[in-house]
């Protein structure tokens, strides 16, 4: 398992949230460095957690409304 894979899987028992997985894959495909992708994924995770705490509700997909 690469460092990138480990960083995305950390804290989820080996399960990557689909939001972060597609985000990371998209950044890698566009040519970003693996360390930059890890940093961006960590920032995205913090922003998601902040939004969940602030709203007081569970994370909802954009399709659910």
PDB file of N, CA and C in Angstrom:
ATOM      1  N   UNK A   1       0.855  -1.175   0.000  1.00  0.00           N
ATOM      2  CA  UNK A   1       0.000   0.000   0.000  1.00  0.00           C
ATOM      3  C   UNK A   1       0.901   1.238   0.000  1.00  0.00           C
ATOM      4  N   UNK A   2       0.648   2.154  -0.918  1.00  0.00           N
ATOM      5  CA  UNK A   2       1.473   3.349  -1.011  1.00  0.00           C
ATOM      6  C   UNK A   2       1.122   4.339   0.095  1.00  0.00           C
ATOM      7  N   UNK A   3       1.943   5.333   0.253  1.00  0.00           N
ATOM      8  CA  UNK A   3       1.699   6.361   1.262  1.00  0.00           C
ATOM      9  C   UNK A   3       0.385   7.081   0.968  1.00  0.00           C
ATOM     10  N   UNK A   4       0.113   7.331  -0.309  1.00  0.00           N
ATOM     11  CA  UNK A   4      -1.129   7.994  -0.702  1.00  0.00           C
ATOM     12  C   UNK A   4      -2.339   7.158  -0.291  1.00  0.00           C
ATOM     13  N   UNK A   5      -2.289   5.860  -0.595  1.00  0.00           N
ATOM     14  CA  UNK A   5      -3.394   4.978  -0.224  1.00  0.00           C
ATOM     15  C   UNK A   5      -3.572   4.929   1.282  1.00  0.00           C
ATOM     16  N   UNK A   6      -2.463   4.879   2.023  1.00  0.00           N
ATOM     17  CA  UNK A   6      -2.545   4.815   3.467  1.00  0.00           C
ATOM     18  C   UNK A   6      -3.180   6.074   4.030  1.00  0.00           C
ATOM     19  N   UNK A   7      -2.820   7.241   3.491  1.00  0.00           N
ATOM     20  CA  UNK A   7      -3.351   8.506   4.004  1.00  0.00           C
ATOM     21  C   UNK A   7      -4.847   8.611   3.752  1.00  0.00           C
ATOM     22  N   UNK A   8      -5.296   8.127   2.617  1.00  0.00           N
ATOM     23  CA  UNK A   8      -6.728   8.201   2.341  1.00  0.00           C
ATOM     24  C   UNK A   8      -7.516   7.185   3.166  1.00  0.00           C
ATOM     25  N   UNK A   9      -6.894   6.043   3.500  1.00  0.00           N
ATOM     26  CA  UNK A   9      -7.594   4.998   4.226  1.00  0.00           C
ATOM     27  C   UNK A   9      -7.521   5.188   5.735  1.00  0.00           C
ATOM     28  N   UNK A  10      -6.624   6.013   6.219  1.00  0.00           N
ATOM     29  CA  UNK A  10      -6.430   6.164   7.671  1.00  0.00           C
ATOM     30  C   UNK A  10      -7.701   6.676   8.332  1.00  0.00           C
ATOM     31  N   UNK A  11      -8.036   6.066   9.436  1.00  0.00           N
ATOM     32  CA  UNK A  11      -9.187   6.507  10.207  1.00  0.00           C
ATOM     33  C   UNK A  11     -10.511   5.919   9.768  1.00  0.00           C
ATOM     34  N   UNK A  12     -10.505   5.116   8.743  1.00  0.00           N
ATOM     35  CA  UNK A  12     -11.757   4.543   8.261  1.00  0.00           C
ATOM     36  C   UNK A  12     -11.709   3.029   8.223  1.00  0.00           C
ATOM     37  N   UNK A  13     -10.768   2.443   8.917  1.00  0.00           N
ATOM     38  CA  UNK A  13     -10.687   0.994   8.943  1.00  0.00           C
ATOM     39  C   UNK A  13     -10.495   0.390   7.568  1.00  0.00           C
ATOM     40  N   UNK A  14      -9.797   1.097   6.690  1.00  0.00           N
ATOM     41  CA  UNK A  14      -9.556   0.585   5.346  1.00  0.00           C
ATOM     42  C   UNK A  14     -10.605   1.004   4.340  1.00  0.00           C
ATOM     43  N   UNK A  15     -11.611   1.748   4.779  1.00  0.00           N
ATOM     44  CA  UNK A  15     -12.650   2.202   3.862  1.00  0.00           C
ATOM     45  C   UNK A  15     -12.456   3.674   3.563  1.00  0.00           C
ATOM     46  N   UNK A  16     -12.346   4.003   2.311  1.00  0.00           N
ATOM     47  CA  UNK A  16     -12.190   5.389   1.906  1.00  0.00           C
ATOM     48  C   UNK A  16     -13.559   5.952   1.584  1.00  0.00           C
ATOM     49  N   UNK A  17     -13.899   7.111   2.154  1.00  0.00           N
ATOM     50  CA  UNK A  17     -15.169   7.726   1.768  1.00  0.00           C
ATOM     51  C   UNK A  17     -15.167   8.002   0.270  1.00  0.00           C
ATOM     52  N   UNK A  18     -16.245   7.706  -0.421  1.00  0.00           N
ATOM     53  CA  UNK A  18     -16.269   7.905  -1.874  1.00  0.00           C
ATOM     54  C   UNK A  18     -15.942   9.336  -2.288  1.00  0.00           C
ATOM     55  N   UNK A  19     -16.320  10.297  -1.463  1.00  0.00           N
ATOM     56  CA  UNK A  19     -16.042  11.695  -1.789  1.00  0.00           C
ATOM     57  C   UNK A  19     -14.540  11.919  -1.873  1.00  0.00           C
ATOM     58  N   UNK A  20     -13.796  11.416  -0.892  1.00  0.00           N
ATOM     59  CA  UNK A  20     -12.353  11.619  -0.874  1.00  0.00           C
ATOM     60  C   UNK A  20     -11.639  10.767  -1.909  1.00  0.00           C
ATOM     61  N   UNK A  21     -12.150   9.588  -2.150  1.00  0.00           N
ATOM     62  CA  UNK A  21     -11.498   8.706  -3.122  1.00  0.00           C
ATOM     63  C   UNK A  21     -11.558   9.304  -4.525  1.00  0.00           C
ATOM     64  N   UNK A  22     -12.720   9.748  -4.943  1.00  0.00           N
ATOM     65  CA  UNK A  22     -12.847  10.327  -6.277  1.00  0.00           C
ATOM     66  C   UNK A  22     -12.087  11.645  -6.371  1.00  0.00           C
ATOM     67  N   UNK A  23     -12.090  12.419  -5.282  1.00  0.00           N
ATOM     68  CA  UNK A  23     -11.348  13.677  -5.247  1.00  0.00           C
ATOM     69  C   UNK A  23      -9.859  13.418  -5.437  1.00  0.00           C
ATOM     70  N   UNK A  24      -9.309  12.464  -4.691  1.00  0.00           N
ATOM     71  CA  UNK A  24      -7.892  12.135  -4.791  1.00  0.00           C
ATOM     72  C   UNK A  24      -7.523  11.569  -6.145  1.00  0.00           C
ATOM     73  N   UNK A  25      -8.357  10.693  -6.674  1.00  0.00           N
ATOM     74  CA  UNK A  25      -8.087  10.117  -7.990  1.00  0.00           C
ATOM     75  C   UNK A  25      -8.107  11.183  -9.075  1.00  0.00           C
ATOM     76  N   UNK A  26      -9.028  12.142  -8.959  1.00  0.00           N
ATOM     77  CA  UNK A  26      -9.109  13.216  -9.940  1.00  0.00           C
ATOM     78  C   UNK A  26      -7.862  14.091  -9.898  1.00  0.00           C
ATOM     79  N   UNK A  27      -7.381  14.398  -8.684  1.00  0.00           N
ATOM     80  CA  UNK A  27      -6.172  15.211  -8.568  1.00  0.00           C
ATOM     81  C   UNK A  27      -4.950  14.481  -9.119  1.00  0.00           C
ATOM     82  N   UNK A  28      -4.842  13.183  -8.829  1.00  0.00           N
ATOM     83  CA  UNK A  28      -3.719  12.401  -9.359  1.00  0.00           C
ATOM     84  C   UNK A  28      -3.753  12.354 -10.881  1.00  0.00           C
ATOM     85  N   UNK A  29      -4.947  12.173 -11.435  1.00  0.00           N
ATOM     86  CA  UNK A  29      -5.077  12.093 -12.889  1.00  0.00           C
ATOM     87  C   UNK A  29      -4.708  13.412 -13.557  1.00  0.00           C
ATOM     88  N   UNK A  30      -4.898  14.520 -12.848  1.00  0.00           N
ATOM     89  CA  UNK A  30      -4.580  15.820 -13.436  1.00  0.00           C
ATOM     90  C   UNK A  30      -3.113  16.194 -13.259  1.00  0.00           C
ATOM     91  N   UNK A  31      -2.330  15.285 -12.626  1.00  0.00           N
ATOM     92  CA  UNK A  31      -0.896  15.490 -12.561  1.00  0.00           C
ATOM     93  C   UNK A  31      -0.356  16.079 -11.274  1.00  0.00           C
ATOM     94  N   UNK A  32      -1.170  16.186 -10.237  1.00  0.00           N
ATOM     95  CA  UNK A  32      -0.680  16.711  -8.962  1.00  0.00           C
ATOM     96  C   UNK A  32       0.260  15.700  -8.299  1.00  0.00           C
ATOM     97  N   UNK A  33       1.190  16.218  -7.529  1.00  0.00           N
ATOM     98  CA  UNK A  33       2.128  15.364  -6.800  1.00  0.00           C
ATOM     99  C   UNK A  33       1.385  14.610  -5.699  1.00  0.00           C
ATOM    100  N   UNK A  34       1.793  13.372  -5.402  1.00  0.00           N
ATOM    101  CA  UNK A  34       1.102  12.595  -4.373  1.00  0.00           C
ATOM    102  C   UNK A  34       1.024  13.295  -3.018  1.00  0.00           C
ATOM    103  N   UNK A  35       2.077  14.003  -2.618  1.00  0.00           N
ATOM    104  CA  UNK A  35       2.019  14.714  -1.331  1.00  0.00           C
ATOM    105  C   UNK A  35       1.006  15.846  -1.368  1.00  0.00           C
ATOM    106  N   UNK A  36       0.873  16.506  -2.494  1.00  0.00           N
ATOM    107  CA  UNK A  36      -0.122  17.569  -2.632  1.00  0.00           C
ATOM    108  C   UNK A  36      -1.528  16.992  -2.551  1.00  0.00           C
ATOM    109  N   UNK A  37      -1.720  15.814  -3.122  1.00  0.00           N
ATOM    110  CA  UNK A  37      -3.029  15.157  -3.074  1.00  0.00           C
ATOM    111  C   UNK A  37      -3.365  14.762  -1.637  1.00  0.00           C
ATOM    112  N   UNK A  38      -2.376  14.277  -0.899  1.00  0.00           N
ATOM    113  CA  UNK A  38      -2.596  13.912   0.501  1.00  0.00           C
ATOM    114  C   UNK A  38      -3.009  15.143   1.300  1.00  0.00           C
ATOM    115  N   UNK A  39      -2.300  16.250   1.100  1.00  0.00           N
ATOM    116  CA  UNK A  39      -2.640  17.487   1.803  1.00  0.00           C
ATOM    117  C   UNK A  39      -4.031  17.978   1.447  1.00  0.00           C
ATOM    118  N   UNK A  40      -4.380  17.904   0.177  1.00  0.00           N
ATOM    119  CA  UNK A  40      -5.707  18.340  -0.254  1.00  0.00           C
ATOM    120  C   UNK A  40      -6.796  17.436   0.325  1.00  0.00           C
ATOM    121  N   UNK A  41      -6.526  16.127   0.381  1.00  0.00           N
ATOM    122  CA  UNK A  41      -7.511  15.197   0.951  1.00  0.00           C
ATOM    123  C   UNK A  41      -7.687  15.445   2.446  1.00  0.00           C
ATOM    124  N   UNK A  42      -6.596  15.752   3.153  1.00  0.00           N
ATOM    125  CA  UNK A  42      -6.714  16.051   4.585  1.00  0.00           C
ATOM    126  C   UNK A  42      -7.521  17.323   4.795  1.00  0.00           C
ATOM    127  N   UNK A  43      -7.256  18.328   3.973  1.00  0.00           N
ATOM    128  CA  UNK A  43      -8.021  19.577   4.097  1.00  0.00           C
ATOM    129  C   UNK A  43      -9.496  19.335   3.808  1.00  0.00           C
ATOM    130  N   UNK A  44      -9.777  18.568   2.772  1.00  0.00           N
ATOM    131  CA  UNK A  44     -11.174  18.271   2.431  1.00  0.00           C
ATOM    132  C   UNK A  44     -11.869  17.543   3.575  1.00  0.00           C
ATOM    133  N   UNK A  45     -11.154  16.607   4.217  1.00  0.00           N
ATOM    134  CA  UNK A  45     -11.719  15.860   5.341  1.00  0.00           C
ATOM    135  C   UNK A  45     -12.045  16.798   6.507  1.00  0.00           C
ATOM    136  N   UNK A  46     -11.140  17.726   6.800  1.00  0.00           N
ATOM    137  CA  UNK A  46     -11.377  18.690   7.883  1.00  0.00           C
ATOM    138  C   UNK A  46     -12.587  19.559   7.562  1.00  0.00           C
ATOM    139  N   UNK A  47     -12.703  20.005   6.316  1.00  0.00           N
ATOM    140  CA  UNK A  47     -13.847  20.833   5.941  1.00  0.00           C
ATOM    141  C   UNK A  47     -15.160  20.055   6.033  1.00  0.00           C
ATOM    142  N   UNK A  48     -15.133  18.780   5.665  1.00  0.00           N
ATOM    143  CA  UNK A  48     -16.335  17.956   5.793  1.00  0.00           C
ATOM    144  C   UNK A  48     -16.734  17.797   7.258  1.00  0.00           C
ATOM    145  N   UNK A  49     -15.757  17.529   8.110  1.00  0.00           N
ATOM    146  CA  UNK A  49     -16.038  17.373   9.539  1.00  0.00           C
ATOM    147  C   UNK A  49     -16.580  18.676  10.113  1.00  0.00           C
ATOM    148  N   UNK A  50     -15.992  19.798   9.733  1.00  0.00           N
ATOM    149  CA  UNK A  50     -16.464  21.095  10.221  1.00  0.00           C
ATOM    150  C   UNK A  50     -17.918  21.331   9.811  1.00  0.00           C
ATOM    151  N   UNK A  51     -18.247  21.016   8.581  1.00  0.00           N
ATOM    152  CA  UNK A  51     -19.618  21.193   8.113  1.00  0.00           C
ATOM    153  C   UNK A  51     -20.609  20.310   8.849  1.00  0.00           C
ATOM    154  N   UNK A  52     -20.198  19.085   9.156  1.00  0.00           N
ATOM    155  CA  UNK A  52     -21.075  18.167   9.881  1.00  0.00           C
ATOM    156  C   UNK A  52     -21.297  18.669  11.303  1.00  0.00           C
ATOM    157  N   UNK A  53     -20.224  19.100  11.957  1.00  0.00           N
ATOM    158  CA  UNK A  53     -20.341  19.600  13.332  1.00  0.00           C
ATOM    159  C   UNK A  53     -21.187  20.869  13.367  1.00  0.00           C
ATOM    160  N   UNK A  54     -20.957  21.765  12.412  1.00  0.00           N
ATOM    161  CA  UNK A  54     -21.691  23.027  12.390  1.00  0.00           C
ATOM    162  C   UNK A  54     -23.182  22.821  12.134  1.00  0.00           C
ATOM    163  N   UNK A  55     -23.517  21.920  11.226  1.00  0.00           N
ATOM    164  CA  UNK A  55     -24.926  21.706  10.898  1.00  0.00           C
ATOM    165  C   UNK A  55     -25.633  20.832  11.923  1.00  0.00           C
ATOM    166  N   UNK A  56     -24.876  20.016  12.637  1.00  0.00           N
ATOM    167  CA  UNK A  56     -25.470  19.146  13.642  1.00  0.00           C
ATOM    168  C   UNK A  56     -26.177  17.945  13.053  1.00  0.00           C
ATOM    169  N   UNK A  57     -25.992  17.698  11.771  1.00  0.00           N
ATOM    170  CA  UNK A  57     -26.643  16.563  11.125  1.00  0.00           C
ATOM    171  C   UNK A  57     -25.642  15.677  10.422  1.00  0.00           C
ATOM    172  N   UNK A  58     -26.129  14.568   9.887  1.00  0.00           N
ATOM    173  CA  UNK A  58     -25.221  13.644   9.183  1.00  0.00           C
ATOM    174  C   UNK A  58     -24.836  14.198   7.807  1.00  0.00           C
ATOM    175  N   UNK A  59     -23.755  13.644   7.265  1.00  0.00           N
ATOM    176  CA  UNK A  59     -23.307  14.017   5.939  1.00  0.00           C
ATOM    177  C   UNK A  59     -24.290  13.488   4.910  1.00  0.00           C
ATOM    178  N   UNK A  60     -24.724  14.350   4.007  1.00  0.00           N
ATOM    179  CA  UNK A  60     -25.664  13.944   2.965  1.00  0.00           C
ATOM    180  C   UNK A  60     -25.004  14.125   1.611  1.00  0.00           C
ATOM    181  N   UNK A  61     -25.320  13.195   0.711  1.00  0.00           N
ATOM    182  CA  UNK A  61     -24.851  13.341  -0.665  1.00  0.00           C
ATOM    183  C   UNK A  61     -25.585  14.497  -1.316  1.00  0.00           C
ATOM    184  N   UNK A  62     -24.964  15.071  -2.328  1.00  0.00           N
ATOM    185  CA  UNK A  62     -25.603  16.175  -3.029  1.00  0.00           C
ATOM    186  C   UNK A  62     -26.895  15.736  -3.710  1.00  0.00           C
ATOM    187  N   UNK A  63     -26.978  14.453  -4.076  1.00  0.00           N
ATOM    188  CA  UNK A  63     -28.172  13.957  -4.747  1.00  0.00           C
ATOM    189  C   UNK A  63     -29.368  13.873  -3.809  1.00  0.00           C
ATOM    190  N   UNK A  64     -29.125  13.738  -2.507  1.00  0.00           N
ATOM    191  CA  UNK A  64     -30.216  13.601  -1.541  1.00  0.00           C
ATOM    192  C   UNK A  64     -30.898  14.929  -1.253  1.00  0.00           C
ATOM    193  N   UNK A  65     -30.230  16.025  -1.535  1.00  0.00           N
ATOM    194  CA  UNK A  65     -30.827  17.342  -1.336  1.00  0.00           C
ATOM    195  C   UNK A  65     -30.539  17.841  -0.005  1.00  0.00           C
TER     196      UNK A  65
END
